[in-house]
C-alpha atoms as a PDB file:
ATOM      1  CA  MET A   1      -0.388  -0.393   0.008  1.00  0.00           C
ATOM      2  CA  TYR A   2       1.087   3.257  -0.671  1.00  0.00           C
ATOM      3  CA  PHE A   3       1.609   6.112   1.870  1.00  0.00           C
ATOM      4  CA  THR A   4      -1.447   8.148  -0.587  1.00  0.00           C
ATOM      5  CA  ASP A   5      -4.102   5.052  -0.844  1.00  0.00           C
ATOM      6  CA  ARG A   6      -5.000   6.490   3.446  1.00  0.00           C
ATOM      7  CA  GLY A   7      -5.548  10.056   1.541  1.00  0.00           C
ATOM      8  CA  ILE A   8      -7.369   8.224  -1.238  1.00  0.00           C
ATOM      9  CA  GLU A   9      -9.508   5.757   0.713  1.00  0.00           C
ATOM     10  CA  GLU A  10     -10.268   8.200   3.708  1.00  0.00           C
ATOM     11  CA  LEU A  11     -12.055  10.621   0.030  1.00  0.00           C
ATOM     12  CA  ALA A  12     -13.585   7.433  -0.693  1.00  0.00           C
ATOM     13  CA  THR A  13     -14.660   6.668   2.999  1.00  0.00           C
ATOM     14  CA  ARG A  14     -15.941  10.692   3.302  1.00  0.00           C
ATOM     15  CA  ARG A  15     -17.195  11.970   0.361  1.00  0.00           C
ATOM     16  CA  GLY A  16     -17.939   8.447  -1.566  1.00  0.00           C
ATOM     17  CA  GLU A  17     -22.040   9.136  -2.173  1.00  0.00           C
ATOM     18  CA  GLU A  18     -21.628  12.445  -3.253  1.00  0.00           C
ATOM     19  CA  ASN A  19     -21.276  13.953  -7.151  1.00  0.00           C
ATOM     20  CA  VAL A  20     -19.539  16.178  -8.274  1.00  0.00           C
ATOM     21  CA  SER A  21     -18.840  18.112 -11.459  1.00  0.00           C
ATOM     22  CA  ILE A  22     -15.751  18.222 -13.627  1.00  0.00           C
ATOM     23  CA  ASP A  23     -15.578  22.135 -13.141  1.00  0.00           C
ATOM     24  CA  TRP A  24     -15.711  21.730  -9.306  1.00  0.00           C
ATOM     25  CA  LEU A  25     -13.074  19.379  -9.596  1.00  0.00           C
ATOM     26  CA  ALA A  26     -10.809  21.398 -11.203  1.00  0.00           C
ATOM     27  CA  GLN A  27     -11.420  24.508  -9.528  1.00  0.00           C
ATOM     28  CA  ARG A  28     -10.315  22.479  -6.695  1.00  0.00           C
ATOM     29  CA  LEU A  29      -7.761  22.155  -8.456  1.00  0.00           C
ATOM     30  CA  THR A  30      -6.754  25.149  -8.757  1.00  0.00           C
ATOM     31  CA  GLU A  31      -7.613  26.528  -5.369  1.00  0.00           C
ATOM     32  CA  PHE A  32      -4.584  23.551  -3.642  1.00  0.00           C
ATOM     33  CA  VAL A  33      -2.117  24.824  -6.125  1.00  0.00           C
ATOM     34  CA  ASP A  34      -2.834  27.991  -4.945  1.00  0.00           C
ATOM     35  CA  ASP A  35      -2.522  26.692  -2.174  1.00  0.00           C
ATOM     36  CA  ASN A  36       0.913  24.670  -2.683  1.00  0.00           C
ATOM     37  CA  PRO A  37       2.317  25.608  -4.865  1.00  0.00           C
ATOM     38  CA  ASP A  38       4.998  22.685  -4.392  1.00  0.00           C
ATOM     39  CA  PHE A  39       2.558  20.057  -6.161  1.00  0.00           C
ATOM     40  CA  GLU A  40       1.666  22.198  -9.362  1.00  0.00           C
ATOM     41  CA  THR A  41       3.711  19.215 -11.286  1.00  0.00           C
ATOM     42  CA  ALA A  42       2.138  16.496  -9.946  1.00  0.00           C
ATOM     43  CA  ILE A  43      -1.532  18.107  -9.493  1.00  0.00           C
ATOM     44  CA  GLU A  44      -0.600  19.135 -14.060  1.00  0.00           C
ATOM     45  CA  ARG A  45       0.609  15.514 -14.455  1.00  0.00           C
ATOM     46  CA  PHE A  46      -2.523  14.322 -12.487  1.00  0.00           C
ATOM     47  CA  ALA A  47      -5.151  17.036 -14.333  1.00  0.00           C
ATOM     48  CA  THR A  48      -3.930  16.174 -18.307  1.00  0.00           C
ATOM     49  CA  TRP A  49      -4.196  11.934 -17.434  1.00  0.00           C
ATOM     50  CA  LEU A  50      -7.590  12.440 -15.795  1.00  0.00           C
ATOM     51  CA  ALA A  51      -8.327  14.911 -18.918  1.00  0.00           C
ATOM     52  CA  ARG A  52      -6.827  11.699 -21.165  1.00  0.00           C
ATOM     53  CA  LEU A  53      -8.552   8.735 -19.668  1.00  0.00           C
ATOM     54  CA  GLY A  54      -9.985   7.023 -22.523  1.00  0.00           C
ATOM     55  CA  ASP A  55      -8.379   8.229 -25.256  1.00  0.00           C
ATOM     56  CA  ASP A  56      -7.525   5.908 -28.162  1.00  0.00           C
ATOM     57  CA  ASP A  57      -4.814   7.423 -30.195  1.00  0.00           C
ATOM     58  CA  GLU A  58      -1.520   7.482 -27.209  1.00  0.00           C
END
């Protein structure tokens, strides 16, 4: 188990019943980077990965 799995599990436990829009998620990621600029590269990579999920040409 990776260290990050605990945070992911907490997210699923606390908010797993909620539905959110991509716009809402994008706003939260932007806020996170504004508050934690050291994570800018990781969040950019994560957002790009999410945006490209399901693309067949990669």
